[in-house]
Amino acid sequence: MGEPKPTLQWAEQTLRNLSEQGYTGTVTIRFAQGGVQGITVNQELQPRQQATIVPAQPLT
């Protein structure tokens, strides 16, 4: 079996965690069949800085 695909709920929780840490900016969520393929956050204060966040772990 392959790696578990992150779910939309995982993406929502990840974005909530970033918000609680003070991150703001534009978020791009890429979907693939069966789950979320990736999340990219472009911070508004530093638009050239990008952080790709994809630790594919199922929610418990």
C-alpha atoms as a PDB file:
ATOM      1  CA  MET A   1       0.000   0.000   0.000  1.00  0.00           C
ATOM      2  CA  GLY A   2       1.068   3.593  -0.591  1.00  0.00           C
ATOM      3  CA  GLU A   3       1.242   6.531   1.752  1.00  0.00           C
ATOM      4  CA  PRO A   4      -2.123   7.687   3.138  1.00  0.00           C
ATOM      5  CA  LYS A   5      -3.481  10.737   1.329  1.00  0.00           C
ATOM      6  CA  PRO A   6      -4.140  13.776   3.521  1.00  0.00           C
ATOM      7  CA  THR A   7      -7.848  14.567   3.779  1.00  0.00           C
ATOM      8  CA  LEU A   8      -9.633  17.899   3.535  1.00  0.00           C
ATOM      9  CA  GLN A   9     -10.055  17.766   7.328  1.00  0.00           C
ATOM     10  CA  TRP A  10      -6.267  17.416   7.654  1.00  0.00           C
ATOM     11  CA  ALA A  11      -5.804  20.469   5.415  1.00  0.00           C
ATOM     12  CA  GLU A  12      -8.294  22.452   7.518  1.00  0.00           C
ATOM     13  CA  GLN A  13      -6.515  21.511  10.753  1.00  0.00           C
ATOM     14  CA  THR A  14      -3.116  22.384   9.269  1.00  0.00           C
ATOM     15  CA  LEU A  15      -4.384  25.826   8.228  1.00  0.00           C
ATOM     16  CA  ARG A  16      -5.898  26.395  11.682  1.00  0.00           C
ATOM     17  CA  ASN A  17      -2.535  25.539  13.258  1.00  0.00           C
ATOM     18  CA  LEU A  18      -0.734  27.986  10.951  1.00  0.00           C
ATOM     19  CA  SER A  19      -3.289  30.683  11.776  1.00  0.00           C
ATOM     20  CA  GLU A  20      -2.799  30.140  15.504  1.00  0.00           C
ATOM     21  CA  GLN A  21       0.953  30.612  14.969  1.00  0.00           C
ATOM     22  CA  GLY A  22       0.329  33.969  13.270  1.00  0.00           C
ATOM     23  CA  TYR A  23       0.826  32.984   9.620  1.00  0.00           C
ATOM     24  CA  THR A  24      -1.295  34.878   7.114  1.00  0.00           C
ATOM     25  CA  GLY A  25      -1.275  34.807   3.349  1.00  0.00           C
ATOM     26  CA  THR A  26      -2.635  33.138   0.267  1.00  0.00           C
ATOM     27  CA  VAL A  27      -3.177  29.401   0.469  1.00  0.00           C
ATOM     28  CA  THR A  28      -3.271  27.010  -2.474  1.00  0.00           C
ATOM     29  CA  ILE A  29      -4.586  23.499  -1.876  1.00  0.00           C
ATOM     30  CA  ARG A  30      -4.006  20.931  -4.616  1.00  0.00           C
ATOM     31  CA  PHE A  31      -6.389  18.001  -4.705  1.00  0.00           C
ATOM     32  CA  ALA A  32      -5.788  14.560  -6.155  1.00  0.00           C
ATOM     33  CA  GLN A  33      -8.080  11.574  -6.376  1.00  0.00           C
ATOM     34  CA  GLY A  34      -8.509  10.266  -2.864  1.00  0.00           C
ATOM     35  CA  GLY A  35      -7.090  13.208  -0.926  1.00  0.00           C
ATOM     36  CA  VAL A  36      -5.148  16.433  -0.751  1.00  0.00           C
ATOM     37  CA  GLN A  37      -2.010  16.460  -2.895  1.00  0.00           C
ATOM     38  CA  GLY A  38      -0.391  19.453  -1.233  1.00  0.00           C
ATOM     39  CA  ILE A  39      -0.720  22.828   0.452  1.00  0.00           C
ATOM     40  CA  THR A  40       1.340  25.906  -0.411  1.00  0.00           C
ATOM     41  CA  VAL A  41       1.256  29.041   1.747  1.00  0.00           C
ATOM     42  CA  ASN A  42       2.507  32.339   0.295  1.00  0.00           C
ATOM     43  CA  GLN A  43       3.030  34.771   3.156  1.00  0.00           C
ATOM     44  CA  GLU A  44       1.727  38.259   2.399  1.00  0.00           C
ATOM     45  CA  LEU A  45       4.601  40.066   4.110  1.00  0.00           C
ATOM     46  CA  GLN A  46       7.207  38.056   2.186  1.00  0.00           C
ATOM     47  CA  PRO A  47       5.515  36.983  -1.058  1.00  0.00           C
ATOM     48  CA  ARG A  48       8.659  35.347  -2.443  1.00  0.00           C
ATOM     49  CA  GLN A  49       8.894  32.993   0.521  1.00  0.00           C
ATOM     50  CA  GLN A  50       6.897  29.791   0.110  1.00  0.00           C
ATOM     51  CA  ALA A  51       6.400  26.954   2.546  1.00  0.00           C
ATOM     52  CA  THR A  52       5.214  23.597   1.275  1.00  0.00           C
ATOM     53  CA  ILE A  53       3.578  21.615   4.055  1.00  0.00           C
ATOM     54  CA  VAL A  54       2.777  17.984   3.331  1.00  0.00           C
ATOM     55  CA  PRO A  55       3.405  15.673   6.287  1.00  0.00           C
ATOM     56  CA  ALA A  56       0.838  13.093   5.146  1.00  0.00           C
ATOM     57  CA  GLN A  57      -0.397  11.781   8.459  1.00  0.00           C
ATOM     58  CA  PRO A  58      -3.965  10.701   9.156  1.00  0.00           C
ATOM     59  CA  LEU A  59      -5.948  12.561  11.795  1.00  0.00           C
ATOM     60  CA  THR A  60      -6.614  10.693  14.999  1.00  0.00           C
END
